[in-house]
Amino acid sequence: MYGTALTILLAASGALAGSAAMHLAGHISSNTSNALASSSSSSLSSCLSSAGLSPITSSSSSYAADVVAYNHRLKFKPVSVVYPTNAAGVASAVKCAASAGVKVAARSGGHSYAANGLGGQDGSLVVDLKHLHSIKVTASSQKATFGTGIRLGDLALALYNNGGQAMAHGTCPYVGTGGHLACGGFGFPSRQWGLALDAVTSAEVVLANGTIVKASSNTNPDLFFAIRGAAPSFGIVTQLTVKTQPAPSSNILFEYTFNPATASAAAKMFAAYQTWGANTAPPQIGIHIELDAGYFALSGVYYGSKSAFTSAITPLLNAMGKPASTSVKTYDWIGILTQLAGSDGPLNTSTKADESDTFYAKSLMVAEDALLTDAALLNFMTYLYGPGVKADSSWFILADLWGGPGSGVNAVSSTATAFSHRNTLYTFQIYTSSGTKSFPSDGISFVDGIVNSITEKMPSTSFGAYNCYVDPALTASQAHTQYYGSTTTTKLNSIKAAVDPKHVFSFPQAIGQS
């Protein structure tokens, strides 16, 4: 008995001693890491200052304001923030960070759902591009060249005011072009013009070694492939040249609301939308279903005449049933963009401060060859009519039509760009928000539940996701699979090894992360 007790006592003593040793080793390791981080930060600041970049650090009075994320749910602490005025300044910043062993994140408009503009993690150098906002439009050749610090609203105004030009892009004026065109850039005109990144013909890129290069189909074609869908992993795009389109003169803004009394009725209405989108929808229509607690609407824009719109939409309305309310109005190009922006703000972003939110979002892409089954749609709507009604936070779901007959998005080869989802019929954005209040503890599980309500009824289907609605809850491996697919990820890994072998451009879901 005493022997057993003594053995236990000695074992416990050994464990305590081992624990103490481990604690001491951990303490020493922590101190060493902190010292190295401090040295790295000091070295970086010195280098940035010498380059004339006036770094904002944690000791700067403006630091707190400079590192606020658009998504207030996420809070990261960059080691420094700089605001270069040209590509040479961006290159200097990248060189300094690489020399100091600090990861680099570019921030265009700062609207990343995962706060990747702050690095998506602590300790990054943020290179803010807001001063890179010049633009030159050549309407006669349908071309525009602009800095990636310009925001969508300002870009739209400049394009239209210089020869009545336009391009496909999202509706929020404050989203930065650098980020938007890096991940996709879907908008209502995309079914006729393609994604925003499909309009890119060339780019100026700062690489991890600080060199400034051009990328196009003929010059650095692998890099050109990578930056159209996965740019933040490969460099900082400082300038883009795009092909523009003549802005349509007649733009029909429409909204129809419905009051399906049951989940079953709502599922049948959604099925009608899915069938019409796959077989009938003309490319001139940009359309989505919008859902939230007690709300079911069909809305979008038809780029063309009122009579052509009526012919296009009537079969869908006949299939879905009589709307509870109807709104159909015609606008010019700037008018339609202003209406679509709504409460997100004016097109001229200098007239009003940007807004923010506290939220979590996911996306789900439904392929043309794997449409949602009746069982999946019913399960989806049953979830919305149950937990969706009882949710603590506000939420909405958009189901944007991407594909269908003549789709400009799907006309592009799946191997042409890093954005490879070229068989998508529609994309869900699932978004829940608490506004200025703390995000509810069950907010993420609620959104996951919406996604699961669909996928659990189609277990053999591999659904993609849209990188512009980046989901920080995904692991790097999950993100690569859902955003790019295995074939594209393999190619991107190879390009990453060639242009950024030391992973200077790194964030939690970056190419090269595992």
Protein backbone atom coordinates (compact mmCIF):
# COMPACT_ATOMS: atom_id res chain seq x y z
CA MET A 1 0.00 0.00 0.00
CA TYR A 2 2.73 2.43 1.05
CA GLY A 3 4.70 1.41 -2.03
CA THR A 4 1.75 2.20 -4.24
CA ALA A 5 1.19 5.52 -2.50
CA LEU A 6 4.88 6.37 -2.79
CA THR A 7 4.84 5.48 -6.47
CA ILE A 8 1.81 7.71 -7.03
CA LEU A 9 3.43 10.51 -5.00
CA LEU A 10 6.68 10.25 -6.95
CA ALA A 11 4.78 10.15 -10.22
CA ALA A 12 2.79 13.20 -9.18
CA SER A 13 5.98 14.97 -8.13
CA GLY A 14 7.54 14.12 -11.48
CA ALA A 15 4.48 15.37 -13.30
CA LEU A 16 4.54 18.60 -11.32
CA ALA A 17 8.21 19.02 -12.03
CA GLY A 18 7.63 18.29 -15.70
CA SER A 19 4.72 20.70 -15.73
CA ALA A 20 6.84 23.37 -14.10
CA ALA A 21 9.59 22.77 -16.63
CA MET A 22 7.13 22.95 -19.48
CA HIS A 23 5.62 26.13 -18.04
CA LEU A 24 9.08 27.66 -17.73
CA ALA A 25 9.96 26.59 -21.27
CA GLY A 26 6.67 28.00 -22.53
CA HIS A 27 7.32 31.24 -20.67
CA ILE A 28 10.79 31.50 -22.19
CA SER A 29 9.38 30.62 -25.64
CA SER A 30 6.65 33.25 -25.25
CA ASN A 31 9.15 35.88 -24.19
CA THR A 32 11.39 34.97 -27.12
CA SER A 33 8.47 35.19 -29.55
CA ASN A 34 7.41 38.55 -28.14
CA ALA A 35 10.96 39.84 -28.40
CA LEU A 36 11.23 38.67 -32.00
CA ALA A 37 7.86 40.22 -32.84
CA SER A 38 8.92 43.51 -31.25
CA SER A 39 12.19 43.47 -33.16
CA SER A 40 10.38 42.66 -36.41
CA SER A 41 7.86 45.47 -35.81
CA SER A 42 10.61 47.96 -35.06
CA SER A 43 12.56 46.92 -38.15
CA LEU A 44 9.43 47.22 -40.29
CA SER A 45 8.52 50.67 -38.97
CA SER A 46 12.05 51.91 -39.55
CA CYS A 47 12.05 50.62 -43.12
CA LEU A 48 8.61 52.06 -43.89
CA SER A 49 9.56 55.43 -42.45
CA SER A 50 12.76 55.49 -44.51
CA ALA A 51 10.63 54.82 -47.59
CA GLY A 52 8.48 57.86 -46.77
CA LEU A 53 5.37 55.81 -46.02
CA SER A 54 4.56 57.23 -42.54
CA PRO A 55 3.39 53.97 -40.92
CA ILE A 56 0.43 53.96 -38.54
CA THR A 57 1.23 51.71 -35.58
CA SER A 58 -0.47 50.81 -32.31
CA SER A 59 1.13 53.86 -30.69
CA SER A 60 -0.39 56.22 -33.29
CA SER A 61 -3.42 58.28 -32.27
CA SER A 62 -5.35 57.20 -35.38
CA TYR A 63 -4.55 53.48 -35.09
CA ALA A 64 -7.90 52.43 -33.60
CA ALA A 65 -9.83 54.13 -36.39
CA ASP A 66 -7.49 52.80 -39.07
CA VAL A 67 -8.00 49.16 -38.10
CA VAL A 68 -11.79 49.00 -37.72
CA ALA A 69 -13.20 46.17 -39.82
CA TYR A 70 -16.31 46.56 -41.95
CA ASN A 71 -17.56 43.46 -40.14
CA HIS A 72 -17.44 44.47 -36.46
CA ARG A 73 -17.70 40.84 -35.42
CA LEU A 74 -14.03 40.49 -36.36
CA LYS A 75 -11.24 42.41 -34.66
CA PHE A 76 -7.61 42.11 -35.75
CA LYS A 77 -4.48 44.03 -34.84
CA PRO A 78 -2.20 44.78 -37.78
CA VAL A 79 1.39 45.62 -36.91
CA SER A 80 1.14 48.68 -39.15
CA VAL A 81 -0.97 50.45 -41.77
CA VAL A 82 0.43 52.46 -44.67
CA TYR A 83 -1.21 54.58 -47.37
CA PRO A 84 1.06 54.64 -50.45
CA THR A 85 0.20 57.01 -53.27
CA ASN A 86 1.47 54.94 -56.19
CA ALA A 87 2.66 51.48 -57.19
CA ALA A 88 6.24 52.33 -56.26
CA GLY A 89 5.10 53.08 -52.72
CA VAL A 90 3.23 49.78 -52.59
CA ALA A 91 6.38 48.01 -53.77
CA SER A 92 8.46 49.69 -51.06
CA ALA A 93 5.97 48.58 -48.41
CA VAL A 94 6.05 44.98 -49.63
CA LYS A 95 9.85 44.94 -49.66
CA CYS A 96 9.97 46.24 -46.10
CA ALA A 97 7.48 43.64 -44.89
CA ALA A 98 9.24 40.78 -46.66
CA SER A 99 12.57 41.84 -45.16
CA ALA A 100 11.04 41.96 -41.67
CA GLY A 101 9.20 38.65 -42.05
CA VAL A 102 5.78 40.30 -41.78
CA LYS A 103 2.76 39.15 -43.81
CA VAL A 104 1.14 41.65 -46.18
CA ALA A 105 -2.54 42.39 -46.78
CA ALA A 106 -3.92 44.84 -49.33
CA ARG A 107 -7.01 46.87 -48.47
CA SER A 108 -9.02 48.42 -51.28
CA GLY A 109 -12.46 49.27 -49.88
CA GLY A 110 -12.14 47.20 -46.71
CA HIS A 111 -15.44 45.34 -47.18
CA SER A 112 -14.09 41.80 -46.86
CA TYR A 113 -16.59 39.70 -44.90
CA ALA A 114 -13.59 38.04 -43.20
CA ALA A 115 -11.67 41.30 -42.64
CA ASN A 116 -8.94 40.06 -44.96
CA GLY A 117 -8.10 43.69 -45.67
CA LEU A 118 -6.68 43.69 -42.14
CA GLY A 119 -4.92 40.40 -42.81
CA GLY A 120 -7.65 38.17 -41.38
CA GLN A 121 -5.30 37.69 -38.42
CA ASP A 122 -3.10 39.72 -36.09
CA GLY A 123 0.33 40.98 -37.04
CA SER A 124 0.00 41.86 -40.73
CA LEU A 125 1.10 44.96 -42.60
CA VAL A 126 -1.96 46.58 -44.16
CA VAL A 127 -1.28 48.34 -47.46
CA ASP A 128 -4.29 50.61 -47.98
CA LEU A 129 -4.86 51.53 -51.62
CA LYS A 130 -7.28 54.44 -51.22
CA HIS A 131 -4.91 56.94 -52.85
CA LEU A 132 -4.66 54.82 -56.00
CA HIS A 133 -7.89 56.14 -57.48
CA SER A 134 -6.99 57.63 -60.87
CA ILE A 135 -9.06 56.59 -63.89
CA LYS A 136 -8.80 57.04 -67.65
CA VAL A 137 -11.73 56.13 -69.89
CA THR A 138 -11.43 55.75 -73.66
CA ALA A 139 -15.02 55.34 -74.77
CA SER A 140 -14.14 55.06 -78.47
CA SER A 141 -12.29 51.81 -77.82
CA GLN A 142 -14.46 50.74 -74.86
CA LYS A 143 -11.55 50.69 -72.45
CA ALA A 144 -10.85 52.05 -68.98
CA THR A 145 -7.75 51.96 -66.79
CA PHE A 146 -8.05 52.71 -63.08
CA GLY A 147 -6.29 52.38 -59.76
CA THR A 148 -7.62 49.68 -57.45
CA GLY A 149 -8.32 52.14 -54.66
CA ILE A 150 -11.33 53.53 -56.51
CA ARG A 151 -14.70 52.32 -55.23
CA LEU A 152 -17.53 50.91 -57.32
CA GLY A 153 -19.78 53.96 -57.12
CA ASP A 154 -17.03 56.36 -58.16
CA LEU A 155 -15.96 53.99 -60.94
CA ALA A 156 -19.51 53.81 -62.28
CA LEU A 157 -19.83 57.60 -62.33
CA ALA A 158 -16.48 58.05 -64.08
CA LEU A 159 -17.30 55.44 -66.72
CA TYR A 160 -20.70 56.94 -67.48
CA ASN A 161 -19.54 60.56 -67.42
CA ASN A 162 -16.83 59.77 -69.97
CA GLY A 163 -18.70 58.47 -72.95
CA GLY A 164 -21.67 56.68 -71.41
CA GLN A 165 -19.71 53.55 -70.51
CA ALA A 166 -20.52 50.83 -67.97
CA MET A 167 -19.46 47.40 -66.74
CA ALA A 168 -20.89 44.63 -64.60
CA HIS A 169 -20.31 44.92 -60.85
CA GLY A 170 -22.10 44.73 -57.52
CA THR A 171 -24.57 47.25 -56.13
CA CYS A 172 -22.79 48.67 -53.05
CA PRO A 173 -20.98 51.91 -54.07
CA TYR A 174 -18.44 51.67 -51.24
CA VAL A 175 -16.97 48.30 -52.17
CA GLY A 176 -13.39 48.68 -53.43
CA THR A 177 -12.61 47.67 -57.00
CA GLY A 178 -9.39 45.95 -55.97
CA GLY A 179 -11.18 43.39 -53.84
CA HIS A 180 -14.33 43.10 -55.95
CA LEU A 181 -12.55 42.28 -59.19
CA ALA A 182 -10.15 39.98 -57.34
CA CYS A 183 -12.82 37.53 -56.21
CA GLY A 184 -15.41 37.69 -58.99
CA GLY A 185 -17.54 40.79 -59.15
CA PHE A 186 -21.08 39.58 -59.83
CA GLY A 187 -23.82 42.09 -60.52
CA PHE A 188 -27.22 42.19 -62.20
CA PRO A 189 -25.66 42.88 -65.66
CA SER A 190 -23.40 39.81 -65.34
CA ARG A 191 -25.75 37.46 -67.15
CA GLN A 192 -25.21 39.53 -70.31
CA TRP A 193 -21.67 40.90 -69.72
CA GLY A 194 -19.99 38.37 -67.43
CA LEU A 195 -18.36 38.96 -64.06
CA ALA A 196 -16.38 42.12 -63.39
CA LEU A 197 -13.14 40.12 -63.49
CA ASP A 198 -14.09 38.84 -66.96
CA ALA A 199 -13.78 42.41 -68.24
CA VAL A 200 -10.13 42.68 -67.12
CA THR A 201 -7.67 42.74 -70.04
CA SER A 202 -4.48 43.59 -68.14
CA ALA A 203 -3.21 44.48 -64.69
CA GLU A 204 -0.29 46.06 -62.88
CA VAL A 205 0.82 43.86 -59.99
CA VAL A 206 3.32 44.25 -57.16
CA LEU A 207 4.90 40.87 -56.41
CA ALA A 208 6.28 39.50 -53.15
CA ASN A 209 9.84 40.54 -54.06
CA GLY A 210 8.71 44.12 -54.64
CA THR A 211 8.89 44.09 -58.42
CA ILE A 212 6.12 45.75 -60.43
CA VAL A 213 4.97 43.67 -63.38
CA LYS A 214 2.27 43.62 -66.01
CA ALA A 215 -0.09 40.69 -66.32
CA SER A 216 -2.27 39.87 -69.31
CA SER A 217 -3.09 36.93 -71.56
CA ASN A 218 0.26 37.47 -73.31
CA THR A 219 2.45 38.72 -70.44
CA ASN A 220 2.79 36.64 -67.27
CA PRO A 221 -0.29 34.62 -68.25
CA ASP A 222 -0.16 32.37 -65.17
CA LEU A 223 -0.21 35.41 -62.90
CA PHE A 224 -3.04 36.86 -64.99
CA PHE A 225 -4.97 33.62 -64.45
CA ALA A 226 -4.39 33.75 -60.69
CA ILE A 227 -5.32 37.38 -60.04
CA ARG A 228 -8.73 36.91 -61.65
CA GLY A 229 -10.28 35.04 -58.74
CA ALA A 230 -7.49 34.70 -56.16
CA ALA A 231 -5.45 37.91 -56.36
CA PRO A 232 -4.76 38.50 -52.62
CA SER A 233 -2.69 35.31 -52.46
CA PHE A 234 -0.34 36.37 -55.26
CA GLY A 235 0.38 40.07 -55.08
CA ILE A 236 -1.14 43.51 -54.84
CA VAL A 237 -2.97 44.60 -57.97
CA THR A 238 -2.46 48.35 -58.22
CA GLN A 239 -4.06 49.06 -61.59
CA LEU A 240 -6.57 47.37 -63.88
CA THR A 241 -7.52 47.84 -67.51
CA VAL A 242 -11.00 46.64 -68.44
CA LYS A 243 -13.27 46.38 -71.44
CA THR A 244 -16.35 48.55 -70.95
CA GLN A 245 -19.85 48.40 -72.41
CA PRO A 246 -22.21 51.11 -73.66
CA ALA A 247 -24.60 51.81 -70.80
CA PRO A 248 -28.17 50.73 -71.59
CA SER A 249 -30.60 53.64 -71.86
CA SER A 250 -33.64 51.70 -70.67
CA ASN A 251 -33.36 49.81 -67.39
CA ILE A 252 -36.46 48.28 -65.82
CA LEU A 253 -36.34 47.97 -62.03
CA PHE A 254 -38.92 45.48 -60.81
CA GLU A 255 -40.09 43.94 -57.56
CA TYR A 256 -42.88 41.46 -56.90
CA THR A 257 -43.73 40.33 -53.39
CA PHE A 258 -45.58 37.15 -52.49
CA ASN A 259 -47.22 35.75 -49.39
CA PRO A 260 -46.78 31.96 -49.43
CA ALA A 261 -48.66 30.76 -46.36
CA THR A 262 -46.69 27.56 -45.88
CA ALA A 263 -43.20 26.19 -46.40
CA SER A 264 -44.61 23.86 -49.04
CA ALA A 265 -46.08 26.76 -51.02
CA ALA A 266 -42.82 28.70 -50.78
CA ALA A 267 -40.83 25.68 -51.97
CA LYS A 268 -43.06 25.29 -55.03
CA MET A 269 -42.64 28.97 -55.90
CA PHE A 270 -38.87 28.68 -55.60
CA ALA A 271 -38.93 25.56 -57.79
CA ALA A 272 -40.75 27.57 -60.46
CA TYR A 273 -38.00 30.21 -60.31
CA GLN A 274 -35.33 27.52 -60.61
CA THR A 275 -36.98 25.94 -63.65
CA TRP A 276 -37.56 29.28 -65.40
CA GLY A 277 -33.98 30.35 -64.71
CA ALA A 278 -32.54 27.15 -66.12
CA ASN A 279 -34.64 27.09 -69.28
CA THR A 280 -36.17 30.45 -70.14
CA ALA A 281 -34.53 33.51 -68.55
CA PRO A 282 -32.95 35.78 -71.21
CA PRO A 283 -29.44 37.16 -70.55
CA GLN A 284 -30.82 40.71 -70.42
CA ILE A 285 -32.41 40.06 -67.04
CA GLY A 286 -30.63 40.22 -63.69
CA ILE A 287 -32.85 38.73 -61.01
CA HIS A 288 -32.95 37.21 -57.56
CA ILE A 289 -35.32 35.89 -54.96
CA GLU A 290 -34.99 37.65 -51.62
CA LEU A 291 -36.12 35.93 -48.44
CA ASP A 292 -36.25 36.97 -44.82
CA ALA A 293 -38.60 36.38 -41.91
CA GLY A 294 -42.07 36.73 -43.43
CA TYR A 295 -40.82 38.15 -46.74
CA PHE A 296 -40.64 36.53 -50.18
CA ALA A 297 -39.79 38.79 -53.13
CA LEU A 298 -38.69 38.53 -56.72
CA SER A 299 -36.68 41.55 -57.85
CA GLY A 300 -34.01 42.74 -60.25
CA VAL A 301 -33.34 44.68 -63.44
CA TYR A 302 -34.21 44.11 -67.08
CA TYR A 303 -31.81 45.86 -69.45
CA GLY A 304 -34.08 46.68 -72.37
CA SER A 305 -37.58 47.78 -73.30
CA LYS A 306 -40.70 47.49 -71.20
CA SER A 307 -42.37 45.23 -73.75
CA ALA A 308 -39.40 42.86 -73.87
CA PHE A 309 -39.38 42.72 -70.07
CA THR A 310 -43.07 41.87 -69.94
CA SER A 311 -42.55 39.01 -72.38
CA ALA A 312 -39.63 37.70 -70.32
CA ILE A 313 -41.20 37.88 -66.86
CA THR A 314 -44.77 36.77 -67.62
CA PRO A 315 -44.04 33.01 -67.81
CA LEU A 316 -42.34 33.15 -64.42
CA LEU A 317 -45.18 35.07 -62.80
CA ASN A 318 -47.69 32.64 -64.26
CA ALA A 319 -45.76 29.77 -62.69
CA MET A 320 -45.27 31.42 -59.29
CA GLY A 321 -48.76 32.80 -58.86
CA LYS A 322 -50.26 36.25 -58.44
CA PRO A 323 -48.00 38.69 -56.54
CA ALA A 324 -49.21 40.49 -53.44
CA SER A 325 -47.60 43.69 -54.72
CA THR A 326 -45.98 44.88 -57.94
CA SER A 327 -43.51 47.66 -58.71
CA VAL A 328 -42.09 48.23 -62.21
CA LYS A 329 -40.18 51.45 -63.00
CA THR A 330 -37.82 52.59 -65.75
CA TYR A 331 -34.53 54.44 -65.11
CA ASP A 332 -31.47 55.59 -66.99
CA TRP A 333 -28.11 54.00 -66.13
CA ILE A 334 -27.13 56.25 -63.24
CA GLY A 335 -30.70 56.19 -61.98
CA ILE A 336 -30.78 52.40 -61.84
CA LEU A 337 -27.41 52.23 -60.05
CA THR A 338 -28.61 54.78 -57.51
CA GLN A 339 -31.80 52.83 -56.89
CA LEU A 340 -29.92 49.56 -56.46
CA ALA A 341 -27.49 51.18 -54.02
CA GLY A 342 -30.40 52.24 -51.83
CA SER A 343 -29.41 52.69 -48.20
CA ASP A 344 -25.82 51.60 -48.94
CA GLY A 345 -25.12 55.20 -49.92
CA PRO A 346 -24.63 57.55 -52.87
CA LEU A 347 -22.52 56.64 -55.90
CA ASN A 348 -20.14 59.49 -55.08
CA THR A 349 -18.51 58.01 -52.00
CA SER A 350 -16.82 61.26 -51.01
CA THR A 351 -20.18 62.71 -49.92
CA LYS A 352 -20.93 60.26 -47.12
CA ALA A 353 -18.95 58.10 -44.72
CA ASP A 354 -18.92 54.35 -45.26
CA GLU A 355 -21.13 52.16 -43.10
CA SER A 356 -20.44 48.88 -41.33
CA ASP A 357 -22.23 45.94 -39.75
CA THR A 358 -21.87 43.06 -37.30
CA PHE A 359 -22.61 39.89 -39.21
CA TYR A 360 -21.84 36.42 -40.46
CA ALA A 361 -22.49 35.16 -43.98
CA LYS A 362 -22.12 32.06 -46.12
CA SER A 363 -22.75 31.26 -49.75
CA LEU A 364 -23.88 28.23 -51.69
CA MET A 365 -23.66 27.82 -55.47
CA VAL A 366 -26.21 25.62 -57.22
CA ALA A 367 -24.92 24.13 -60.47
CA GLU A 368 -26.94 23.89 -63.65
CA ASP A 369 -26.49 20.12 -63.65
CA ALA A 370 -27.36 19.67 -59.95
CA LEU A 371 -30.53 21.65 -59.32
CA LEU A 372 -32.10 21.54 -55.88
CA THR A 373 -34.48 18.65 -55.47
CA ASP A 374 -38.04 19.09 -54.26
CA ALA A 375 -37.01 17.47 -50.97
CA ALA A 376 -34.13 19.92 -50.51
CA LEU A 377 -36.32 22.93 -51.30
CA LEU A 378 -39.02 21.80 -48.88
CA ASN A 379 -36.48 21.16 -46.12
CA PHE A 380 -34.93 24.58 -46.78
CA MET A 381 -38.24 26.41 -46.56
CA THR A 382 -39.33 24.40 -43.53
CA TYR A 383 -36.21 25.62 -41.73
CA LEU A 384 -36.96 29.23 -42.69
CA TYR A 385 -40.57 28.91 -41.55
CA GLY A 386 -39.41 27.41 -38.22
CA PRO A 387 -36.05 28.54 -36.76
CA GLY A 388 -35.96 31.38 -39.29
CA VAL A 389 -39.01 33.04 -37.78
CA LYS A 390 -37.63 32.65 -34.25
CA ALA A 391 -34.06 33.87 -34.94
CA ASP A 392 -32.61 36.46 -32.54
CA SER A 393 -30.87 38.44 -35.29
CA SER A 394 -32.12 39.87 -38.55
CA TRP A 395 -31.30 37.87 -41.65
CA PHE A 396 -31.80 37.72 -45.37
CA ILE A 397 -31.13 35.29 -48.19
CA LEU A 398 -30.54 36.23 -51.82
CA ALA A 399 -30.70 33.65 -54.60
CA ASP A 400 -29.08 35.44 -57.55
CA LEU A 401 -29.53 33.93 -60.99
CA TRP A 402 -26.10 33.53 -62.64
CA GLY A 403 -26.63 30.96 -65.37
CA GLY A 404 -29.36 29.89 -67.74
CA PRO A 405 -29.70 30.50 -71.48
CA GLY A 406 -26.98 32.77 -72.90
CA SER A 407 -25.37 33.50 -69.52
CA GLY A 408 -22.29 35.71 -69.86
CA VAL A 409 -20.87 34.22 -66.67
CA ASN A 410 -21.02 30.65 -67.91
CA ALA A 411 -19.87 31.53 -71.44
CA VAL A 412 -16.31 31.72 -70.06
CA SER A 413 -14.31 28.50 -69.80
CA SER A 414 -13.86 27.05 -66.31
CA THR A 415 -10.10 26.95 -67.00
CA ALA A 416 -9.76 30.57 -68.15
CA THR A 417 -9.55 32.23 -64.72
CA ALA A 418 -9.01 31.28 -61.09
CA PHE A 419 -12.74 31.81 -60.68
CA SER A 420 -13.82 28.47 -62.09
CA HIS A 421 -17.52 28.11 -61.19
CA ARG A 422 -18.75 28.46 -64.76
CA ASN A 423 -21.75 26.15 -64.52
CA THR A 424 -23.61 27.92 -61.71
CA LEU A 425 -27.33 28.46 -62.12
CA TYR A 426 -27.79 30.57 -59.00
CA THR A 427 -25.90 31.56 -55.89
CA PHE A 428 -27.27 31.89 -52.37
CA GLN A 429 -25.96 34.59 -50.07
CA ILE A 430 -27.08 33.80 -46.52
CA TYR A 431 -26.51 36.71 -44.16
CA THR A 432 -27.40 37.34 -40.53
CA SER A 433 -26.73 40.59 -38.72
CA SER A 434 -27.04 42.09 -35.26
CA GLY A 435 -26.41 45.68 -36.39
CA THR A 436 -24.75 47.65 -33.61
CA LYS A 437 -25.51 45.01 -30.97
CA SER A 438 -23.30 42.11 -29.97
CA PHE A 439 -23.52 39.20 -32.36
CA PRO A 440 -25.75 36.44 -30.89
CA SER A 441 -24.06 33.24 -29.77
CA ASP A 442 -26.27 31.15 -32.03
CA GLY A 443 -25.87 33.38 -35.10
CA ILE A 444 -23.30 31.20 -36.83
CA SER A 445 -25.13 27.95 -36.09
CA PHE A 446 -28.34 29.50 -37.46
CA VAL A 447 -26.67 30.27 -40.80
CA ASP A 448 -25.05 26.84 -40.84
CA GLY A 449 -28.48 25.37 -40.24
CA ILE A 450 -29.85 27.10 -43.34
CA VAL A 451 -27.05 25.68 -45.48
CA ASN A 452 -27.41 22.23 -43.92
CA SER A 453 -31.15 22.21 -44.59
CA ILE A 454 -30.28 22.15 -48.28
CA THR A 455 -27.15 20.03 -48.38
CA GLU A 456 -28.37 17.25 -46.08
CA LYS A 457 -31.03 16.34 -48.63
CA MET A 458 -28.45 16.16 -51.42
CA PRO A 459 -25.51 14.37 -49.74
CA SER A 460 -23.85 13.26 -52.98
CA THR A 461 -23.72 16.80 -54.41
CA SER A 462 -20.60 18.96 -54.02
CA PHE A 463 -21.70 22.57 -53.70
CA GLY A 464 -19.35 25.44 -54.49
CA ALA A 465 -19.16 28.79 -52.69
CA TYR A 466 -18.52 32.38 -53.81
CA ASN A 467 -15.24 33.91 -52.66
CA CYS A 468 -16.64 37.46 -52.60
CA TYR A 469 -18.88 36.30 -49.74
CA VAL A 470 -15.86 34.87 -47.98
CA ASP A 471 -16.64 32.70 -44.95
CA PRO A 472 -13.97 32.96 -42.21
CA ALA A 473 -15.28 29.81 -40.52
CA LEU A 474 -13.95 27.62 -43.34
CA THR A 475 -10.55 26.00 -43.02
CA ALA A 476 -8.06 26.75 -45.78
CA SER A 477 -8.66 23.33 -47.29
CA GLN A 478 -12.45 23.77 -47.22
CA ALA A 479 -12.15 27.24 -48.71
CA HIS A 480 -9.93 26.07 -51.56
CA THR A 481 -12.29 23.21 -52.38
CA GLN A 482 -15.43 25.34 -52.30
CA TYR A 483 -14.05 28.50 -53.92
CA TYR A 484 -11.78 26.99 -56.57
CA GLY A 485 -12.15 23.22 -56.83
CA SER A 486 -9.29 20.74 -56.87
CA THR A 487 -8.04 21.31 -60.43
CA THR A 488 -7.80 25.09 -60.08
CA THR A 489 -6.32 24.83 -56.57
CA THR A 490 -3.54 22.59 -57.89
CA LYS A 491 -2.70 25.14 -60.57
CA LEU A 492 -2.84 28.02 -58.08
CA ASN A 493 -0.49 26.21 -55.68
CA SER A 494 2.03 25.87 -58.50
CA ILE A 495 1.80 29.57 -59.37
CA LYS A 496 2.08 30.51 -55.69
CA ALA A 497 5.32 28.54 -55.37
CA ALA A 498 6.73 30.44 -58.34
CA VAL A 499 5.76 34.02 -57.44
CA ASP A 500 5.49 33.98 -53.62
CA PRO A 501 7.48 31.03 -52.26
CA LYS A 502 7.88 32.64 -48.83
CA HIS A 503 4.15 33.36 -48.48
CA VAL A 504 4.52 37.11 -48.04
CA PHE A 505 0.87 37.44 -49.08
CA SER A 506 -0.74 35.22 -46.49
CA PHE A 507 -4.03 35.06 -44.61
CA PRO A 508 -5.95 32.14 -43.08
CA GLN A 509 -7.46 30.93 -46.36
CA ALA A 510 -4.67 32.01 -48.72
CA ILE A 511 -3.46 29.73 -51.46
CA GLY A 512 -0.58 27.74 -50.00
CA GLN A 513 -2.21 27.47 -46.58
CA SER A 514 -3.33 24.02 -45.48
